[in-house]
Amino acid sequence: MAIHTSAIKRHRQSLKKRARNIDTKSKLRTLIKKARQAIEAKNQESAVNQIRAVNSALGTAVSKGIIKRNTASRWLSRLSSSASQMSTVG
């Protein structure tokens, strides 16, 4: 790494940002997993609440530039469609 103060500061910032992004993605994956479990358990109320939480977290992640808009849309769409299949089948 370069020995310029600006490069050192930039590196420090990138490490902090990377840690924050990893943490946010991890929380997002956990929320998605909980929503899937609620859908598999055929718990309608819990599934709706979990999907709402996932939607909020996805919106935050997109606005911060952690994931892309289409990716978030795809994940939410898949969750919603599996939840709607649960309600029609069950």
Protein backbone atom coordinates (compact mmCIF):
# COMPACT_ATOMS: atom_id res chain seq x y z
CA MET A 1 0.00 0.00 0.00
CA ALA A 2 1.13 3.54 -0.69
CA ILE A 3 2.51 5.63 2.15
CA HIS A 4 0.39 8.68 1.36
CA THR A 5 -1.82 9.86 4.18
CA SER A 6 -4.81 10.02 1.83
CA ALA A 7 -4.28 6.39 0.77
CA ILE A 8 -3.98 5.28 4.38
CA LYS A 9 -7.18 7.09 5.30
CA ARG A 10 -8.97 5.67 2.25
CA HIS A 11 -7.91 2.16 3.25
CA ARG A 12 -9.18 2.71 6.79
CA GLN A 13 -12.52 3.94 5.42
CA SER A 14 -12.82 0.99 3.06
CA LEU A 15 -12.30 -1.48 5.91
CA LYS A 16 -15.06 0.18 7.96
CA LYS A 17 -17.41 0.26 4.99
CA ARG A 18 -16.68 -3.39 4.18
CA ALA A 19 -17.45 -4.44 7.75
CA ARG A 20 -20.71 -2.48 7.69
CA ASN A 21 -21.73 -4.00 4.35
CA ILE A 22 -20.99 -7.54 5.53
CA ASP A 23 -23.03 -6.95 8.69
CA THR A 24 -25.98 -5.56 6.73
CA LYS A 25 -25.94 -8.45 4.25
CA SER A 26 -25.79 -10.95 7.08
CA LYS A 27 -28.82 -9.42 8.80
CA LEU A 28 -30.65 -9.38 5.48
CA ARG A 29 -29.97 -13.07 4.87
CA THR A 30 -31.16 -13.88 8.38
CA LEU A 31 -34.42 -12.00 7.81
CA ILE A 32 -34.98 -13.82 4.50
CA LYS A 33 -34.29 -17.16 6.18
CA LYS A 34 -36.83 -16.38 8.94
CA ALA A 35 -39.42 -15.43 6.32
CA ARG A 36 -38.84 -18.71 4.46
CA GLN A 37 -39.22 -20.67 7.68
CA ALA A 38 -42.50 -18.90 8.44
CA ILE A 39 -43.74 -19.72 4.94
CA GLU A 40 -42.73 -23.38 5.27
CA ALA A 41 -44.45 -23.57 8.66
CA LYS A 42 -47.57 -22.20 6.95
CA ASN A 43 -47.81 -19.43 9.53
CA GLN A 44 -49.64 -16.74 7.56
CA GLU A 45 -49.41 -13.91 10.10
CA SER A 46 -45.74 -14.46 10.85
CA ALA A 47 -44.91 -14.77 7.15
CA VAL A 48 -46.57 -11.44 6.36
CA ASN A 49 -44.70 -9.71 9.18
CA GLN A 50 -41.39 -11.28 8.14
CA ILE A 51 -41.86 -10.29 4.49
CA ARG A 52 -42.64 -6.75 5.59
CA ALA A 53 -39.39 -6.69 7.59
CA VAL A 54 -37.46 -8.09 4.62
CA ASN A 55 -38.95 -5.43 2.35
CA SER A 56 -37.84 -2.68 4.71
CA ALA A 57 -34.33 -4.11 5.06
CA LEU A 58 -34.00 -4.55 1.30
CA GLY A 59 -35.02 -0.94 0.72
CA THR A 60 -32.41 0.24 3.20
CA ALA A 61 -29.70 -1.93 1.62
CA VAL A 62 -30.57 -0.64 -1.85
CA SER A 63 -30.52 2.99 -0.75
CA LYS A 64 -27.08 2.51 0.82
CA GLY A 65 -25.80 0.81 -2.34
CA ILE A 66 -25.09 -2.52 -0.68
CA ILE A 67 -27.17 -4.52 -3.14
CA LYS A 68 -28.65 -3.61 -6.50
CA ARG A 69 -32.28 -2.68 -6.97
CA ASN A 70 -33.07 -5.57 -9.32
CA THR A 71 -31.54 -8.07 -6.92
CA ALA A 72 -33.67 -6.78 -4.07
CA SER A 73 -36.74 -6.84 -6.27
CA ARG A 74 -36.04 -10.42 -7.34
CA TRP A 75 -35.55 -11.64 -3.76
CA LEU A 76 -38.74 -9.96 -2.57
CA SER A 77 -40.69 -11.24 -5.55
CA ARG A 78 -39.64 -14.83 -4.88
CA LEU A 79 -40.57 -14.56 -1.22
CA SER A 80 -43.93 -12.99 -2.02
CA SER A 81 -44.79 -15.56 -4.65
CA SER A 82 -43.97 -18.47 -2.34
CA ALA A 83 -46.09 -16.84 0.38
CA SER A 84 -49.01 -16.44 -2.01
CA GLN A 85 -48.70 -20.09 -3.10
CA MET A 86 -48.85 -21.03 0.58
CA SER A 87 -52.11 -19.12 1.03
CA THR A 88 -53.75 -20.65 -2.06
CA VAL A 89 -52.61 -24.22 -1.32
CA GLY A 90 -53.17 -24.12 2.46
